[in-house]
Structure formats: C-alpha cells, structure tokens
N, C-alpha and C. Protein backbone atom coordinates (compact mmCIF):
# COMPACT_ATOMS: atom_id res chain seq x y z
N UNK A 1 21.05 28.73 19.91
CA UNK A 1 19.92 28.39 19.69
C UNK A 1 20.13 27.54 18.46
N UNK A 2 21.11 27.80 17.08
CA UNK A 2 21.17 27.23 15.96
C UNK A 2 21.82 25.81 16.93
N UNK A 3 22.39 25.79 17.78
CA UNK A 3 22.75 24.21 18.23
C UNK A 3 21.52 23.76 18.85
N UNK A 4 20.66 23.80 19.27
CA UNK A 4 19.22 23.68 20.10
C UNK A 4 18.11 23.02 18.07
N UNK A 5 18.61 24.02 17.77
CA UNK A 5 17.54 23.51 16.29
C UNK A 5 18.48 22.25 15.29
N UNK A 6 19.74 22.31 15.82
CA UNK A 6 19.85 20.96 14.80
C UNK A 6 20.17 19.58 15.54
N UNK A 7 20.15 20.16 17.15
CA UNK A 7 19.58 18.66 18.19
C UNK A 7 18.46 18.18 17.49
N UNK A 8 17.74 19.63 17.74
CA UNK A 8 16.13 18.78 17.33
C UNK A 8 15.94 18.25 15.92
N UNK A 9 16.48 18.84 14.91
CA UNK A 9 16.04 18.26 14.00
C UNK A 9 17.14 17.01 13.49
N UNK A 10 18.70 16.98 14.46
CA UNK A 10 18.72 15.17 14.56
C UNK A 10 17.78 14.68 14.78
N UNK A 11 17.90 14.64 15.99
CA UNK A 11 16.47 14.03 16.86
C UNK A 11 14.92 13.58 16.00
N UNK A 12 14.85 14.35 14.80
CA UNK A 12 13.52 13.87 14.53
C UNK A 12 13.96 13.18 13.20
N UNK A 13 14.74 13.22 13.07
CA UNK A 13 15.29 12.35 11.84
C UNK A 13 16.24 11.47 12.15
N UNK A 14 16.27 10.96 12.97
CA UNK A 14 16.51 9.56 14.11
C UNK A 14 15.34 8.72 14.43
N UNK A 15 13.88 9.31 15.06
CA UNK A 15 12.82 9.07 15.14
C UNK A 15 12.31 9.12 14.01
N UNK A 16 12.50 9.29 12.77
CA UNK A 16 11.35 9.28 11.87
C UNK A 16 12.39 8.15 10.81
N UNK A 17 13.66 7.74 11.41
CA UNK A 17 14.23 7.10 10.64
C UNK A 17 13.73 5.40 11.67
N UNK A 18 13.72 5.68 12.48
CA UNK A 18 13.05 4.38 13.45
C UNK A 18 11.94 3.96 13.45
N UNK A 19 10.82 4.99 12.72
CA UNK A 19 9.62 5.01 12.33
C UNK A 19 9.49 3.45 11.20
N UNK A 20 10.69 4.25 10.04
CA UNK A 20 9.94 3.77 8.34
C UNK A 20 11.19 2.33 9.26
N UNK A 21 11.78 2.32 9.77
CA UNK A 21 12.26 0.41 10.08
C UNK A 21 11.21 0.11 11.10
N UNK A 22 10.33 0.23 11.49
CA UNK A 22 9.33 -0.80 12.68
C UNK A 22 8.04 -0.61 11.25
N UNK A 23 8.09 -0.31 10.63
CA UNK A 23 7.37 0.40 9.47
C UNK A 23 7.50 -1.21 8.83
N UNK A 24 8.28 -1.18 8.26
CA UNK A 24 9.09 -1.85 7.19
C UNK A 24 9.15 -3.36 7.87
N UNK A 25 9.59 -3.84 9.42
CA UNK A 25 9.56 -4.85 9.93
C UNK A 25 8.17 -5.38 10.27
N UNK A 26 7.19 -4.16 9.98
CA UNK A 26 5.96 -4.66 10.26
C UNK A 26 5.21 -4.59 11.68
N UNK A 27 6.07 -4.25 12.74
CA UNK A 27 5.91 -4.08 14.15
C UNK A 27 4.57 -2.64 14.23
N UNK A 28 4.19 -3.17 15.59
CA UNK A 28 3.34 -1.60 15.89
C UNK A 28 3.87 -0.21 15.57
N UNK A 29 3.04 0.67 15.92
CA UNK A 29 3.34 2.19 16.03
C UNK A 29 2.92 2.41 16.72
N UNK A 30 4.03 3.01 18.24
CA UNK A 30 3.42 3.41 19.37
C UNK A 30 4.33 4.21 19.84
N UNK A 31 4.25 5.32 20.70
CA UNK A 31 5.37 5.73 21.81
C UNK A 31 6.36 5.35 21.82
N UNK A 32 5.76 4.02 22.90
CA UNK A 32 6.81 2.69 22.90
C UNK A 32 7.56 1.81 22.39
N UNK A 33 7.18 1.41 21.47
CA UNK A 33 8.09 1.29 20.40
C UNK A 33 8.84 1.91 19.69
N UNK A 34 8.43 2.84 19.07
CA UNK A 34 9.34 4.13 18.59
C UNK A 34 10.20 4.93 19.75
N UNK A 35 9.96 5.07 20.56
CA UNK A 35 11.23 5.38 21.52
C UNK A 35 11.98 3.96 22.24
N UNK A 36 12.04 3.12 22.26
CA UNK A 36 13.02 2.11 22.15
C UNK A 36 13.61 2.46 21.45
N UNK A 37 12.67 1.85 19.35
CA UNK A 37 13.94 2.06 18.52
C UNK A 37 14.72 3.11 18.20
N UNK A 38 14.61 4.46 18.48
CA UNK A 38 14.75 5.46 18.41
C UNK A 38 16.37 6.04 19.39
N UNK A 39 15.90 5.39 20.19
CA UNK A 39 17.03 5.71 22.23
C UNK A 39 16.49 7.17 21.88
N UNK A 40 15.58 7.11 21.83
CA UNK A 40 15.17 8.69 22.86
C UNK A 40 14.03 8.54 23.71
N UNK A 41 13.94 9.79 24.29
CA UNK A 41 12.47 9.64 25.94
C UNK A 41 11.98 9.66 25.44
N UNK A 42 10.59 9.26 26.08
CA UNK A 42 9.43 9.15 25.81
C UNK A 42 8.39 10.68 25.76
N UNK A 43 9.51 11.35 26.84
CA UNK A 43 9.51 12.97 26.61
C UNK A 43 9.45 13.95 25.66
N UNK A 44 10.20 13.18 24.91
CA UNK A 44 10.76 13.81 23.91
C UNK A 44 10.04 13.18 22.50
N UNK A 45 9.20 12.23 22.84
CA UNK A 45 7.87 12.02 21.71
C UNK A 45 7.06 12.76 21.47
N UNK A 46 7.07 12.85 23.64
CA UNK A 46 5.73 13.41 23.18
C UNK A 46 5.38 14.86 23.26
N UNK A 47 6.49 15.73 23.89
CA UNK A 47 7.08 17.13 23.68
C UNK A 47 7.66 18.01 22.18
N UNK A 48 8.03 16.89 21.50
CA UNK A 48 7.63 17.58 19.89
C UNK A 48 6.81 17.05 19.46
N UNK A 49 5.52 18.06 18.89
CA UNK A 49 4.25 18.03 18.00
C UNK A 49 4.53 17.24 16.78
N UNK A 50 5.84 18.15 16.32
CA UNK A 50 5.39 17.17 14.98
C UNK A 50 5.64 15.58 14.84
N UNK A 51 6.39 15.40 16.13
CA UNK A 51 6.43 13.70 16.08
C UNK A 51 5.31 13.01 16.90
N UNK A 52 4.91 13.95 17.81
CA UNK A 52 4.10 13.29 18.48
C UNK A 52 2.49 13.00 17.76
N UNK A 53 1.89 14.02 16.65
CA UNK A 53 1.39 13.95 15.74
C UNK A 53 1.62 12.74 14.82
N UNK A 54 2.87 12.53 14.33
CA UNK A 54 3.13 11.55 13.50
C UNK A 54 2.76 10.46 14.14
N UNK A 55 3.33 9.98 15.22
CA UNK A 55 2.96 8.56 15.67
C UNK A 55 1.37 8.68 16.07
N UNK A 56 0.71 9.71 16.14
CA UNK A 56 -1.14 9.05 16.91
C UNK A 56 -1.51 9.38 15.62
N UNK A 57 -1.13 9.50 14.50
CA UNK A 57 -1.41 9.14 13.42
C UNK A 57 -1.78 7.85 12.37
N UNK A 58 -0.24 7.32 12.73
CA UNK A 58 0.38 6.29 12.49
C UNK A 58 -0.68 5.30 13.38
N UNK A 59 -0.56 5.66 14.57
CA UNK A 59 -1.64 4.37 15.27
C UNK A 59 -2.74 4.45 14.93
N UNK A 60 -3.35 5.91 14.17
CA UNK A 60 -4.75 5.76 14.21
C UNK A 60 -5.12 4.81 12.80
N UNK A 61 -4.09 4.97 11.92
CA UNK A 61 -3.87 3.94 10.37
C UNK A 61 -3.84 3.15 10.94
N UNK A 62 -2.42 2.33 11.49
CA UNK A 62 -3.00 0.91 11.95
C UNK A 62 -3.86 0.25 12.90
N UNK A 63 -4.33 0.53 13.50
CA UNK A 63 -5.81 0.39 14.74
C UNK A 63 -7.07 1.11 13.70
N UNK A 64 -7.01 1.13 12.59
CA UNK A 64 -7.83 1.25 10.94
C UNK A 64 -8.86 1.85 12.01
N UNK A 65 -9.15 2.68 12.99
CA UNK A 65 -9.79 3.88 13.53
C UNK A 65 -9.79 5.16 13.70
N UNK A 66 -10.44 5.81 12.21
CA UNK A 66 -10.01 7.25 12.41
C UNK A 66 -10.60 8.23 13.43
N UNK A 67 -9.17 9.30 13.95
CA UNK A 67 -9.43 9.87 15.26
C UNK A 67 -9.44 11.25 14.36
N UNK A 68 -10.39 11.69 14.75
CA UNK A 68 -10.93 13.05 14.35
C UNK A 68 -9.78 14.04 14.62
N UNK A 69 -8.92 14.29 15.94
CA UNK A 69 -8.21 14.89 16.01
C UNK A 69 -7.12 15.28 15.10
N UNK A 70 -6.80 13.84 14.74
CA UNK A 70 -4.97 13.04 14.15
C UNK A 70 -5.25 13.23 12.51
N UNK A 71 -4.29 14.35 12.12
CA UNK A 71 -4.35 13.93 10.35
C UNK A 71 -3.05 13.56 10.35
N UNK A 72 -3.68 12.40 9.44
CA UNK A 72 -1.74 12.05 8.98
C UNK A 72 -0.98 12.70 8.11
N UNK A 73 0.45 12.74 8.53
CA UNK A 73 1.33 13.31 8.22
C UNK A 73 1.63 13.66 6.46
N UNK A 74 2.12 14.32 5.42
CA UNK A 74 2.26 13.78 4.53
C UNK A 74 2.82 12.97 3.98
N UNK A 75 3.87 12.41 4.49
CA UNK A 75 4.85 11.45 4.47
C UNK A 75 3.73 10.15 4.00
N UNK A 76 3.17 9.79 5.57
CA UNK A 76 2.20 8.82 5.57
C UNK A 76 0.66 8.33 4.32
N UNK A 77 0.55 9.73 4.52
CA UNK A 77 -0.19 9.78 3.16
C UNK A 77 -0.36 9.39 2.46
N UNK A 78 1.32 9.94 1.99
CA UNK A 78 1.73 9.63 0.31
C UNK A 78 1.97 7.98 0.82
N UNK A 79 2.92 7.63 1.27
CA UNK A 79 2.52 6.02 1.40
C UNK A 79 1.56 5.29 1.39
N UNK A 80 0.61 5.58 2.06
CA UNK A 80 -0.66 5.08 1.49
C UNK A 80 -1.20 5.20 0.62
N UNK A 81 -0.66 5.85 -0.69
CA UNK A 81 -1.72 6.39 -1.77
C UNK A 81 -0.68 5.57 -2.73
N UNK A 82 0.53 5.19 -2.38
CA UNK A 82 2.05 4.41 -3.09
C UNK A 82 1.45 2.75 -2.89
N UNK A 83 0.62 2.59 -1.92
CA UNK A 83 0.35 1.25 -1.51
C UNK A 83 -1.05 0.55 -2.26
N UNK A 84 -1.48 1.95 -2.29
CA UNK A 84 -3.01 2.10 -3.07
C UNK A 84 -2.93 1.89 -4.55
N UNK A 85 -1.95 2.86 -5.30
CA UNK A 85 -1.75 2.82 -6.20
C UNK A 85 -1.00 1.03 -6.90
N UNK A 86 0.50 1.14 -6.25
CA UNK A 86 0.41 -0.53 -6.37
C UNK A 86 -0.32 -1.82 -5.91
N UNK A 87 -1.12 -1.46 -5.34
CA UNK A 87 -2.24 -2.76 -5.45
C UNK A 87 -3.40 -2.75 -7.01
N UNK A 88 -3.71 -1.38 -6.90
CA UNK A 88 -4.95 -0.48 -8.52
C UNK A 88 -3.96 -1.44 -9.64
N UNK A 89 -2.03 -1.51 -9.48
CA UNK A 89 -1.56 -1.59 -10.88
C UNK A 89 -1.33 -3.35 -10.94
N UNK A 90 -1.39 -3.83 -10.14
CA UNK A 90 -1.40 -5.73 -9.52
C UNK A 90 -3.08 -5.34 -10.18
N UNK A 91 -4.26 -5.43 -9.74
CA UNK A 91 -5.35 -5.51 -10.30
C UNK A 91 -5.68 -5.15 -11.74
N UNK A 92 -5.17 -4.26 -12.14
CA UNK A 92 -4.73 -3.89 -13.83
C UNK A 92 -4.63 -5.06 -14.56
N UNK A 93 -3.15 -5.03 -13.93
CA UNK A 93 -2.23 -6.38 -14.48
C UNK A 93 -3.15 -7.49 -14.99
N UNK A 94 -3.83 -8.28 -13.07
CA UNK A 94 -4.63 -9.19 -13.62
C UNK A 94 -5.80 -9.59 -14.34
N UNK A 95 -6.04 -8.12 -14.52
CA UNK A 95 -7.97 -8.06 -15.23
C UNK A 95 -7.58 -8.02 -16.89
N UNK A 96 -5.95 -7.36 -17.13
CA UNK A 96 -5.80 -7.52 -18.39
C UNK A 96 -5.22 -8.64 -19.03
N UNK A 97 -4.89 -9.35 -18.12
CA UNK A 97 -4.52 -11.17 -18.14
C UNK A 97 -5.88 -11.84 -18.83
N UNK A 98 -6.67 -11.30 -17.68
CA UNK A 98 -7.92 -11.97 -17.44
C UNK A 98 -8.77 -11.69 -19.53
N UNK A 99 -8.59 -10.96 -19.61
CA UNK A 99 -8.68 -9.96 -20.75
C UNK A 99 -8.40 -11.17 -22.33
N UNK A 100 -6.85 -11.12 -21.88
CA UNK A 100 -6.12 -11.51 -23.03
C UNK A 100 -6.77 -13.08 -22.73
N UNK A 101 -7.21 -13.36 -21.75
CA UNK A 101 -6.99 -15.05 -21.87
C UNK A 101 -8.67 -15.29 -22.65
N UNK A 102 -9.59 -14.37 -22.27
CA UNK A 102 -11.00 -14.48 -22.67
C UNK A 102 -11.04 -13.95 -24.24
N UNK A 103 -10.23 -13.45 -24.18
CA UNK A 103 -10.10 -13.14 -26.20
C UNK A 103 -9.32 -14.34 -26.67
N UNK A 104 -8.65 -15.29 -26.73
CA UNK A 104 -7.99 -16.74 -26.72
C UNK A 104 -8.99 -17.09 -26.74
N UNK A 105 -10.12 -17.37 -25.88
CA UNK A 105 -11.26 -18.34 -25.95
C UNK A 105 -12.09 -18.18 -26.58
N UNK A 106 -12.52 -16.91 -26.54
CA UNK A 106 -13.39 -16.41 -27.99
C UNK A 106 -12.79 -16.82 -29.03
N UNK A 107 -11.75 -16.54 -29.61
CA UNK A 107 -11.39 -16.87 -30.79
C UNK A 107 -11.44 -18.42 -30.75
N UNK A 108 -11.25 -19.57 -29.88
CA UNK A 108 -11.23 -20.63 -30.35
C UNK A 108 -12.98 -21.11 -30.53
N UNK A 109 -13.86 -20.57 -29.36
CA UNK A 109 -14.57 -20.12 -29.69
C UNK A 109 -15.40 -20.33 -31.33
N UNK A 110 -15.09 -19.03 -31.99
CA UNK A 110 -15.40 -19.43 -33.38
C UNK A 110 -14.80 -20.15 -34.09
N UNK A 111 -14.19 -20.16 -34.15
CA UNK A 111 -13.09 -21.79 -34.71
C UNK A 111 -13.76 -22.73 -34.73
N UNK A 112 -14.30 -22.92 -33.29
CA UNK A 112 -14.90 -24.50 -33.48
C UNK A 112 -16.68 -24.62 -33.50
N UNK A 113 -17.23 -23.58 -33.67
CA UNK A 113 -18.12 -22.82 -34.38
C UNK A 113 -18.12 -23.11 -35.24
N UNK A 114 -16.93 -22.29 -36.68
CA UNK A 114 -17.08 -22.42 -37.45
C UNK A 114 -16.78 -24.25 -38.13
N UNK A 115 -16.23 -24.88 -37.36
CA UNK A 115 -15.80 -26.26 -37.78
C UNK A 115 -16.67 -26.81 -37.48
N UNK A 116 -17.24 -26.80 -36.55
CA UNK A 116 -18.98 -27.60 -36.54
C UNK A 116 -19.94 -27.26 -37.44
N UNK A 117 -19.98 -26.03 -38.04
CA UNK A 117 -20.53 -25.49 -39.34
C UNK A 117 -20.25 -26.27 -40.21
N UNK A 118 -19.45 -26.39 -41.06
CA UNK A 118 -18.69 -27.09 -42.18
C UNK A 118 -19.02 -28.63 -41.44
N UNK A 119 -18.85 -29.26 -40.37
CA UNK A 119 -19.05 -30.46 -40.64
C UNK A 119 -20.78 -30.90 -40.14
N UNK A 120 -21.18 -29.61 -39.71
CA UNK A 120 -22.89 -30.09 -40.21
C UNK A 120 -23.48 -30.64 -41.50
N UNK A 121 -22.59 -29.55 -42.41
CA UNK A 121 -22.76 -29.39 -44.13
C UNK A 121 -22.08 -30.61 -44.47
N UNK A 122 -21.33 -30.95 -43.82
CA UNK A 122 -20.87 -32.30 -44.74
C UNK A 122 -21.75 -33.58 -44.27
N UNK A 123 -22.25 -33.70 -43.12
CA UNK A 123 -23.34 -34.70 -42.69
C UNK A 123 -24.53 -34.50 -43.80
N UNK A 124 -24.64 -33.16 -43.74
CA UNK A 124 -25.76 -33.29 -44.42
C UNK A 124 -25.71 -33.75 -46.08
N UNK A 125 -24.78 -33.10 -46.27
CA UNK A 125 -24.20 -33.88 -47.82
C UNK A 125 -24.41 -35.44 -48.14
N UNK A 126 -23.89 -36.06 -46.73
CA UNK A 126 -23.55 -37.15 -46.88
C UNK A 126 -25.06 -38.26 -46.48
N UNK A 127 -25.56 -37.33 -46.08
CA UNK A 127 -27.02 -38.23 -45.80
C UNK A 127 -28.17 -38.53 -47.20
C-alpha cells in the first residue's frame, strides 16, 4: 500500500511539472498535451480525480469559458491572482509616472503664467 501511494505521488508530481512546463511554453493544456509531456497514460490522467480536475480547470481557464462543474484548483487560482497583481502593479507604476509628468507640467504652467503676467505688466508700463 505504501508503495502504491508513493507511486501515485510521484505520478502526480510528474504531471504537475509537465503542466507547469506547458504553461511556461504557452502551450495548450489538455489531456493529450499533458500525457505526452508527462510520459504517462491518458487513463492515468482520467482515473486520478486530482489530475483530472486540474487539467479540466486549466483547459476551461484557457478557453475562457467558465464551466460550472469545474473549479480551478488552488495552485491555478493563485497563479491567476499573481498575474492580476503583477498587471495591477504595472498599471500603478504607469499611473504614478503619469502623475509625476502632470505635476511637472503644472509647475511649468504656473511658471509660464507668472512670467506672462510679469511681461504684461512690463508692456503696460512701456505704453
């Protein structure tokens, strides 16, 4: 029994590594690509509820069509959250840069406005 559990854990690890590799390469996640990358049989993927659920959820996420009967596993949800956080951080950085530029433009505007007033007064004195 212990040997079977160890073998099952090794298979799960092998499949998870294959899935991560496919994701890094930007390849589609489905039963065919996963079994080929992991070097396991299709039956192994279909018969293991944990692996089957992960592949189905990733496939649903990649197709952007939510399936009510498939829930993304925690690891994939965390990856999506991490991606969202990264995108939001980039957006914040861009907004902060834009804000800095706008402040600089406002300062320039105020300086030009003051100089314009000074020049108007000079013209009035000369006239």
